[in-house]
């Protein structure tokens, strides 16, 4: 049996922070440089990362005082400080869980259309935020004075609340919200006019949060250790690790659907950058549009002779091919980028729209002959 979890706590948690920071950095790069659109879900995700780092820093400080060690090997004064920093870390982590759920819900708000979908997502955001705030508040007011929570030598101190029950309620609600946010995309996507393979790909990409829900269930089970009296900072180690794992999984699952344009860019190059486009001769466009993998022939085009000394009028078509191939863009963003909603009939769906720009310009070519 492991007698000192301190090295494991520090090693695992800081590795998780590095992974979370990497995924969020890739997310922000994709949003800013490829999609050119930073949303509120990205800002909330940054807040989530800051809270995650705050949680791990608090636990790391607590490890220095004795978190992860048996009571017999920790001086009494240090044991109290270890409990204090663990309580601070738990409070920060609980609010981070609210931020992580909020980031996922705000992302889904971009792609849903039905009013009850929107209402359900706002319910998830508001209820989780309120419950996390209440839980954090009760964590620090469960004892009078507050310091009695970690220092039971204070005379006259008393704890009037069984916080374990509150923690279990919060954990169960967090897990339920993870599964709601993972299941909702299936209801949205399966009714769309898309190929079955595309539906499954998009739905699975948006439903990775089920893994965060599994972590939340395990974390909730481990919350029973909050009732430990003799070996509190030792017995709560699994709960601390599963708390950080839940936050990490939420971050990863929320970032993966957004990173698809980056994957496309790395695999196929920058020819589909959303800031640009490709120009094709008008008389070749049908051929190009039916086979986008082919390249435009240099110098080819539709020419109209304008007379001696006047030049040639060349007509080209610019096909606006976007890199924004994320699940979000496949379903079309519904905020600032939202397309006008039209009545398409009983099989309403989200339509893909490609932009085509036809440009005519005069090329001075005295030697040109009529085409």
Protein backbone atom coordinates (compact mmCIF):
# COMPACT_ATOMS: atom_id res chain seq x y z
CA UNK A 1 0.00 0.00 0.00
CA UNK A 2 1.32 3.43 -0.96
CA UNK A 3 2.20 5.46 2.12
CA UNK A 4 2.92 8.76 0.35
CA UNK A 5 0.83 9.95 -2.60
CA UNK A 6 2.61 13.33 -2.83
CA UNK A 7 4.82 12.49 -5.85
CA UNK A 8 1.85 10.92 -7.67
CA UNK A 9 -0.35 13.95 -7.01
CA UNK A 10 2.23 16.42 -8.28
CA UNK A 11 3.23 14.31 -11.28
CA UNK A 12 -0.28 13.47 -12.46
CA UNK A 13 -1.85 16.88 -11.86
CA UNK A 14 0.86 18.94 -13.54
CA UNK A 15 0.87 16.55 -16.50
CA UNK A 16 -2.88 17.13 -16.75
CA UNK A 17 -2.34 20.90 -16.64
CA UNK A 18 0.19 20.63 -19.48
CA UNK A 19 -2.28 18.60 -21.57
CA UNK A 20 -5.13 21.02 -20.84
CA UNK A 21 -2.97 24.03 -21.74
CA UNK A 22 -1.88 22.35 -24.99
CA UNK A 23 -5.42 21.60 -26.12
CA UNK A 24 -6.66 25.08 -25.25
CA UNK A 25 -3.67 26.68 -27.00
CA UNK A 26 -4.47 24.66 -30.14
CA UNK A 27 -8.13 25.64 -29.79
CA UNK A 28 -7.30 29.34 -29.59
CA UNK A 29 -4.88 29.07 -32.53
CA UNK A 30 -7.58 27.39 -34.61
CA UNK A 31 -10.19 29.96 -33.65
CA UNK A 32 -8.02 33.02 -34.18
CA UNK A 33 -5.80 32.13 -37.13
CA UNK A 34 -7.90 29.64 -39.10
CA UNK A 35 -11.57 30.27 -38.34
CA UNK A 36 -11.00 33.96 -37.46
CA UNK A 37 -13.69 33.84 -34.80
CA UNK A 38 -13.17 33.98 -31.03
CA UNK A 39 -16.40 33.23 -29.16
CA UNK A 40 -17.60 33.37 -25.58
CA UNK A 41 -17.08 29.64 -25.27
CA UNK A 42 -13.37 30.21 -25.93
CA UNK A 43 -13.19 32.91 -23.26
CA UNK A 44 -14.94 30.67 -20.75
CA UNK A 45 -12.53 27.87 -21.64
CA UNK A 46 -9.62 30.17 -20.78
CA UNK A 47 -11.29 30.91 -17.44
CA UNK A 48 -11.60 27.16 -16.97
CA UNK A 49 -7.87 26.74 -17.60
CA UNK A 50 -7.01 29.48 -15.09
CA UNK A 51 -9.22 27.84 -12.44
CA UNK A 52 -7.67 24.46 -13.21
CA UNK A 53 -4.19 25.86 -12.71
CA UNK A 54 -5.36 27.53 -9.49
CA UNK A 55 -6.69 24.19 -8.25
CA UNK A 56 -3.46 22.33 -9.00
CA UNK A 57 -1.34 25.12 -7.47
CA UNK A 58 -3.42 24.96 -4.27
CA UNK A 59 -3.06 21.18 -4.02
CA UNK A 60 0.67 21.44 -4.78
CA UNK A 61 1.12 23.89 -1.90
CA UNK A 62 -0.92 21.56 0.29
CA UNK A 63 1.28 18.63 -0.74
CA UNK A 64 4.21 20.57 0.68
CA UNK A 65 2.42 20.56 4.05
CA UNK A 66 1.28 16.95 3.97
CA UNK A 67 -1.51 16.19 1.46
CA UNK A 68 -1.12 12.59 0.41
CA UNK A 69 0.69 11.52 3.58
CA UNK A 70 -0.43 9.59 6.65
CA UNK A 71 -1.34 11.57 9.76
CA UNK A 72 1.49 10.00 11.78
CA UNK A 73 4.24 11.49 9.59
CA UNK A 74 2.81 15.03 9.35
CA UNK A 75 3.34 17.62 12.13
CA UNK A 76 0.01 18.85 13.57
CA UNK A 77 0.61 22.46 12.48
CA UNK A 78 1.39 21.35 8.92
CA UNK A 79 -1.59 18.99 8.88
CA UNK A 80 -3.94 21.92 9.48
CA UNK A 81 -2.33 23.91 6.68
CA UNK A 82 -2.59 20.89 4.37
CA UNK A 83 -6.33 20.69 5.06
CA UNK A 84 -6.70 24.44 4.50
CA UNK A 85 -5.02 24.35 1.08
CA UNK A 86 -7.04 21.29 0.11
CA UNK A 87 -10.25 23.15 0.99
CA UNK A 88 -9.14 26.15 -1.07
CA UNK A 89 -8.31 23.85 -3.98
CA UNK A 90 -11.69 22.15 -3.76
CA UNK A 91 -13.48 25.50 -3.87
CA UNK A 92 -11.54 26.58 -6.94
CA UNK A 93 -12.14 23.21 -8.62
CA UNK A 94 -15.90 23.37 -8.04
CA UNK A 95 -16.12 26.74 -9.78
CA UNK A 96 -13.89 25.39 -12.54
CA UNK A 97 -16.41 22.60 -13.10
CA UNK A 98 -19.09 25.26 -13.59
CA UNK A 99 -16.87 27.02 -16.14
CA UNK A 100 -16.18 23.79 -18.02
CA UNK A 101 -19.87 22.91 -18.32
CA UNK A 102 -20.60 26.50 -19.34
CA UNK A 103 -18.01 26.42 -22.13
CA UNK A 104 -19.52 23.26 -23.63
CA UNK A 105 -23.07 24.58 -23.37
CA UNK A 106 -22.19 27.95 -24.95
CA UNK A 107 -20.49 26.11 -27.81
CA UNK A 108 -23.63 24.06 -28.41
CA UNK A 109 -25.71 27.25 -28.38
CA UNK A 110 -23.94 28.13 -31.63
CA UNK A 111 -25.43 25.19 -33.50
CA UNK A 112 -28.93 24.62 -32.11
CA UNK A 113 -32.08 26.15 -33.55
CA UNK A 114 -35.06 24.89 -31.59
CA UNK A 115 -36.24 26.96 -28.67
CA UNK A 116 -36.36 24.04 -26.28
CA UNK A 117 -32.74 23.17 -27.13
CA UNK A 118 -31.70 26.72 -26.31
CA UNK A 119 -33.78 26.71 -23.11
CA UNK A 120 -32.25 23.40 -22.03
CA UNK A 121 -28.70 24.65 -22.58
CA UNK A 122 -29.34 27.84 -20.61
CA UNK A 123 -30.88 25.72 -17.87
CA UNK A 124 -27.66 23.66 -17.75
CA UNK A 125 -25.53 26.81 -17.58
CA UNK A 126 -27.56 28.62 -14.93
CA UNK A 127 -28.36 25.62 -12.73
CA UNK A 128 -24.78 24.33 -12.72
CA UNK A 129 -23.36 27.78 -11.98
CA UNK A 130 -25.83 28.39 -9.15
CA UNK A 131 -25.32 24.95 -7.63
CA UNK A 132 -21.52 25.22 -7.84
CA UNK A 133 -21.64 28.66 -6.21
CA UNK A 134 -23.84 27.37 -3.40
CA UNK A 135 -21.60 24.33 -2.91
CA UNK A 136 -18.46 26.44 -2.73
CA UNK A 137 -20.11 28.81 -0.26
CA UNK A 138 -21.27 25.94 1.96
CA UNK A 139 -17.79 24.44 1.84
CA UNK A 140 -16.39 27.45 3.68
CA UNK A 141 -19.33 28.19 5.97
CA UNK A 142 -20.03 24.63 7.12
CA UNK A 143 -18.00 25.34 10.25
CA UNK A 144 -18.03 28.29 12.65
CA UNK A 145 -15.51 29.83 12.60
CA UNK A 146 -14.40 28.89 9.07
CA UNK A 147 -10.87 28.03 10.29
CA UNK A 148 -12.35 25.22 12.42
CA UNK A 149 -12.79 23.33 9.13
CA UNK A 150 -9.05 22.65 9.05
CA UNK A 151 -8.00 23.41 12.66
CA UNK A 152 -10.03 21.45 15.20
CA UNK A 153 -7.96 22.78 18.08
CA UNK A 154 -9.93 26.06 17.98
CA UNK A 155 -12.06 26.24 21.10
CA UNK A 156 -15.78 26.70 20.60
CA UNK A 157 -15.63 25.70 16.94
CA UNK A 158 -18.45 23.65 15.50
CA UNK A 159 -19.45 22.24 12.12
CA UNK A 160 -23.21 22.44 11.63
CA UNK A 161 -23.42 20.90 8.15
CA UNK A 162 -22.70 17.44 6.73
CA UNK A 163 -20.86 18.65 3.64
CA UNK A 164 -20.43 15.13 2.29
CA UNK A 165 -24.13 15.07 1.36
CA UNK A 166 -23.76 18.43 -0.39
CA UNK A 167 -20.71 17.20 -2.28
CA UNK A 168 -22.48 14.05 -3.42
CA UNK A 169 -25.46 16.09 -4.65
CA UNK A 170 -23.15 18.41 -6.57
CA UNK A 171 -21.24 15.48 -8.04
CA UNK A 172 -24.41 13.74 -9.19
CA UNK A 173 -25.70 16.94 -10.82
CA UNK A 174 -22.36 17.52 -12.55
CA UNK A 175 -22.42 14.00 -13.99
CA UNK A 176 -26.02 14.43 -15.13
CA UNK A 177 -25.17 17.68 -16.95
CA UNK A 178 -22.23 15.98 -18.69
CA UNK A 179 -24.55 13.33 -20.09
CA UNK A 180 -27.21 15.90 -21.08
CA UNK A 181 -24.60 17.92 -23.00
CA UNK A 182 -23.31 14.72 -24.62
CA UNK A 183 -26.72 13.38 -25.66
CA UNK A 184 -28.29 16.62 -26.92
CA UNK A 185 -26.15 16.83 -30.11
CA UNK A 186 -27.53 13.46 -31.24
CA UNK A 187 -31.07 14.80 -31.10
CA UNK A 188 -30.01 17.89 -33.05
CA UNK A 189 -27.98 16.12 -35.72
CA UNK A 190 -29.90 12.92 -36.46
CA UNK A 191 -32.81 14.94 -37.85
CA UNK A 192 -30.65 16.79 -40.38
CA UNK A 193 -30.50 16.05 -44.10
CA UNK A 194 -26.98 14.61 -44.07
CA UNK A 195 -25.39 11.30 -44.96
CA UNK A 196 -25.55 8.78 -42.13
CA UNK A 197 -21.76 8.59 -41.94
CA UNK A 198 -21.50 12.37 -41.62
CA UNK A 199 -24.19 12.40 -38.92
CA UNK A 200 -22.36 9.81 -36.86
CA UNK A 201 -19.01 11.58 -37.26
CA UNK A 202 -20.36 14.97 -36.20
CA UNK A 203 -22.51 13.57 -33.39
CA UNK A 204 -19.63 11.54 -31.93
CA UNK A 205 -17.34 14.56 -32.11
CA UNK A 206 -19.81 16.67 -30.16
CA UNK A 207 -20.64 13.92 -27.65
CA UNK A 208 -17.17 13.16 -26.28
CA UNK A 209 -18.32 14.74 -23.03
CA UNK A 210 -19.66 11.32 -22.03
CA UNK A 211 -16.11 10.53 -20.89
CA UNK A 212 -16.18 13.56 -18.60
CA UNK A 213 -19.48 12.24 -17.25
CA UNK A 214 -17.87 8.89 -16.43
CA UNK A 215 -15.05 10.69 -14.58
CA UNK A 216 -17.65 12.72 -12.72
CA UNK A 217 -19.42 9.55 -11.56
CA UNK A 218 -16.18 8.08 -10.23
CA UNK A 219 -15.31 11.39 -8.57
CA UNK A 220 -18.73 11.48 -6.92
CA UNK A 221 -18.17 8.00 -5.51
CA UNK A 222 -14.80 9.08 -4.11
CA UNK A 223 -16.43 12.08 -2.39
CA UNK A 224 -17.36 9.73 0.43
CA UNK A 225 -13.80 10.24 1.65
CA UNK A 226 -14.85 13.73 2.80
CA UNK A 227 -16.26 12.02 5.88
CA UNK A 228 -12.82 10.73 6.84
CA UNK A 229 -11.66 12.01 10.23
CA UNK A 230 -8.35 10.38 11.09
CA UNK A 231 -6.67 10.34 7.65
CA UNK A 232 -8.44 13.13 5.76
CA UNK A 233 -5.54 14.41 3.60
CA UNK A 234 -4.58 10.83 2.76
CA UNK A 235 -8.01 9.33 2.11
CA UNK A 236 -9.15 12.21 -0.13
CA UNK A 237 -6.29 11.76 -2.65
CA UNK A 238 -8.39 9.67 -5.13
CA UNK A 239 -11.12 12.32 -4.99
CA UNK A 240 -8.57 15.05 -5.74
CA UNK A 241 -7.15 13.12 -8.69
CA UNK A 242 -10.56 12.32 -10.16
CA UNK A 243 -11.59 15.97 -9.78
CA UNK A 244 -8.64 17.09 -11.88
CA UNK A 245 -9.25 14.26 -14.34
CA UNK A 246 -12.88 15.35 -14.79
CA UNK A 247 -11.81 18.92 -15.59
CA UNK A 248 -9.13 17.70 -18.00
CA UNK A 249 -11.52 15.39 -19.83
CA UNK A 250 -14.08 18.19 -20.14
CA UNK A 251 -11.43 20.46 -21.67
CA UNK A 252 -10.22 17.81 -24.12
CA UNK A 253 -13.72 16.76 -25.14
CA UNK A 254 -14.75 20.40 -25.65
CA UNK A 255 -11.66 21.21 -27.73
CA UNK A 256 -11.54 18.23 -30.09
CA UNK A 257 -14.60 19.25 -32.21
CA UNK A 258 -13.10 22.73 -32.65
CA UNK A 259 -9.72 21.41 -33.81
CA UNK A 260 -10.98 19.81 -37.01
CA UNK A 261 -10.00 22.81 -39.19
CA UNK A 262 -6.45 22.58 -37.79
CA UNK A 263 -6.36 18.90 -38.69
CA UNK A 264 -7.54 19.73 -42.22
CA UNK A 265 -4.90 22.46 -42.49
CA UNK A 266 -2.11 20.13 -41.35
CA UNK A 267 -3.22 17.27 -43.59
CA UNK A 268 -4.13 19.12 -46.76
CA UNK A 269 -2.20 22.37 -46.48
CA UNK A 270 -3.44 25.97 -46.52
CA UNK A 271 -5.12 25.95 -49.95
CA UNK A 272 -8.53 25.97 -48.31
CA UNK A 273 -7.89 28.92 -46.03
CA UNK A 274 -11.06 30.73 -45.21
CA UNK A 275 -9.44 34.11 -45.67
CA UNK A 276 -8.74 33.46 -49.29
CA UNK A 277 -10.18 31.38 -52.05
CA UNK A 278 -9.29 29.90 -55.39
CA UNK A 279 -9.86 31.42 -58.81
CA UNK A 280 -10.87 29.25 -61.71
CA UNK A 281 -11.58 30.16 -65.34
CA UNK A 282 -15.31 30.40 -65.91
CA UNK A 283 -15.41 27.80 -68.66
CA UNK A 284 -13.58 25.32 -66.42
CA UNK A 285 -15.56 25.92 -63.25
CA UNK A 286 -18.06 23.11 -63.74
CA UNK A 287 -15.18 20.71 -64.09
CA UNK A 288 -13.47 22.15 -61.00
CA UNK A 289 -16.58 22.10 -58.86
CA UNK A 290 -17.23 18.47 -59.72
CA UNK A 291 -13.67 17.52 -58.79
CA UNK A 292 -12.17 19.89 -56.29
CA UNK A 293 -8.95 17.92 -56.13
CA UNK A 294 -7.85 19.10 -59.61
CA UNK A 295 -5.89 22.27 -60.17
CA UNK A 296 -6.68 25.19 -62.41
CA UNK A 297 -4.66 25.29 -65.59
CA UNK A 298 -2.42 28.29 -65.83
CA UNK A 299 -3.44 30.78 -68.45
CA UNK A 300 -6.74 29.17 -69.32
CA UNK A 301 -9.93 31.14 -69.17
CA UNK A 302 -12.88 32.71 -70.93
CA UNK A 303 -11.68 35.59 -73.11
CA UNK A 304 -13.68 38.14 -75.07
CA UNK A 305 -11.77 40.27 -77.64
CA UNK A 306 -12.38 43.98 -77.04
CA UNK A 307 -10.93 45.37 -80.27
CA UNK A 308 -7.49 46.63 -81.43
CA UNK A 309 -5.51 48.15 -78.57
CA UNK A 310 -8.29 47.52 -76.10
CA UNK A 311 -7.17 44.17 -74.65
CA UNK A 312 -8.99 41.09 -73.56
CA UNK A 313 -11.80 40.74 -71.03
CA UNK A 314 -11.05 37.72 -68.87
CA UNK A 315 -13.77 36.25 -66.65
CA UNK A 316 -12.88 34.10 -63.66
CA UNK A 317 -14.81 32.52 -60.88
CA UNK A 318 -13.54 32.68 -57.31
CA UNK A 319 -14.77 29.74 -55.26
CA UNK A 320 -14.85 30.57 -51.54
CA UNK A 321 -13.61 27.35 -49.94
CA UNK A 322 -13.50 27.51 -46.19
CA UNK A 323 -11.19 25.82 -43.72
CA UNK A 324 -13.86 26.04 -41.07
CA UNK A 325 -14.60 22.34 -41.25
CA UNK A 326 -15.38 21.88 -37.59
CA UNK A 327 -18.57 20.24 -36.43
CA UNK A 328 -19.69 23.74 -35.52
CA UNK A 329 -19.31 25.02 -39.08
CA UNK A 330 -20.88 21.93 -40.59
CA UNK A 331 -24.00 22.77 -38.63
CA UNK A 332 -23.41 26.51 -39.22
CA UNK A 333 -22.83 28.96 -36.41
CA UNK A 334 -25.99 30.56 -35.13
CA UNK A 335 -24.68 33.77 -33.59
CA UNK A 336 -22.96 36.49 -35.62
CA UNK A 337 -22.28 34.02 -38.40
CA UNK A 338 -25.84 32.68 -38.39
CA UNK A 339 -27.44 32.34 -41.80
CA UNK A 340 -30.95 33.67 -42.35
CA UNK A 341 -33.47 31.04 -41.36
CA UNK A 342 -35.79 30.17 -44.21
CA UNK A 343 -38.85 27.95 -44.40
CA UNK A 344 -37.60 24.84 -46.17
CA UNK A 345 -40.65 22.72 -45.53
CA UNK A 346 -41.25 19.72 -43.29
CA UNK A 347 -37.69 18.44 -43.60
CA UNK A 348 -36.07 21.60 -42.33
CA UNK A 349 -32.36 21.29 -42.04
CA UNK A 350 -29.24 23.36 -41.99
CA UNK A 351 -28.04 24.06 -45.48
CA UNK A 352 -24.45 24.41 -46.62
CA UNK A 353 -23.77 27.56 -48.59
CA UNK A 354 -20.74 28.15 -50.85
CA UNK A 355 -19.79 31.63 -51.98
CA UNK A 356 -18.96 32.15 -55.64
CA UNK A 357 -17.60 35.47 -56.87
CA UNK A 358 -17.58 36.19 -60.61
CA UNK A 359 -15.03 38.82 -61.58
CA UNK A 360 -14.37 40.38 -64.98
CA UNK A 361 -11.27 42.43 -65.62
CA UNK A 362 -9.50 43.92 -68.63
CA UNK A 363 -6.13 42.42 -69.52
CA UNK A 364 -4.12 44.64 -71.88
CA UNK A 365 -2.98 42.35 -74.66
CA UNK A 366 -2.53 44.10 -78.06
CA UNK A 367 -1.57 40.84 -79.69
CA UNK A 368 -4.59 38.95 -78.49
CA UNK A 369 -6.79 37.44 -81.11
CA UNK A 370 -10.53 36.84 -80.90
CA UNK A 371 -11.48 33.65 -79.11
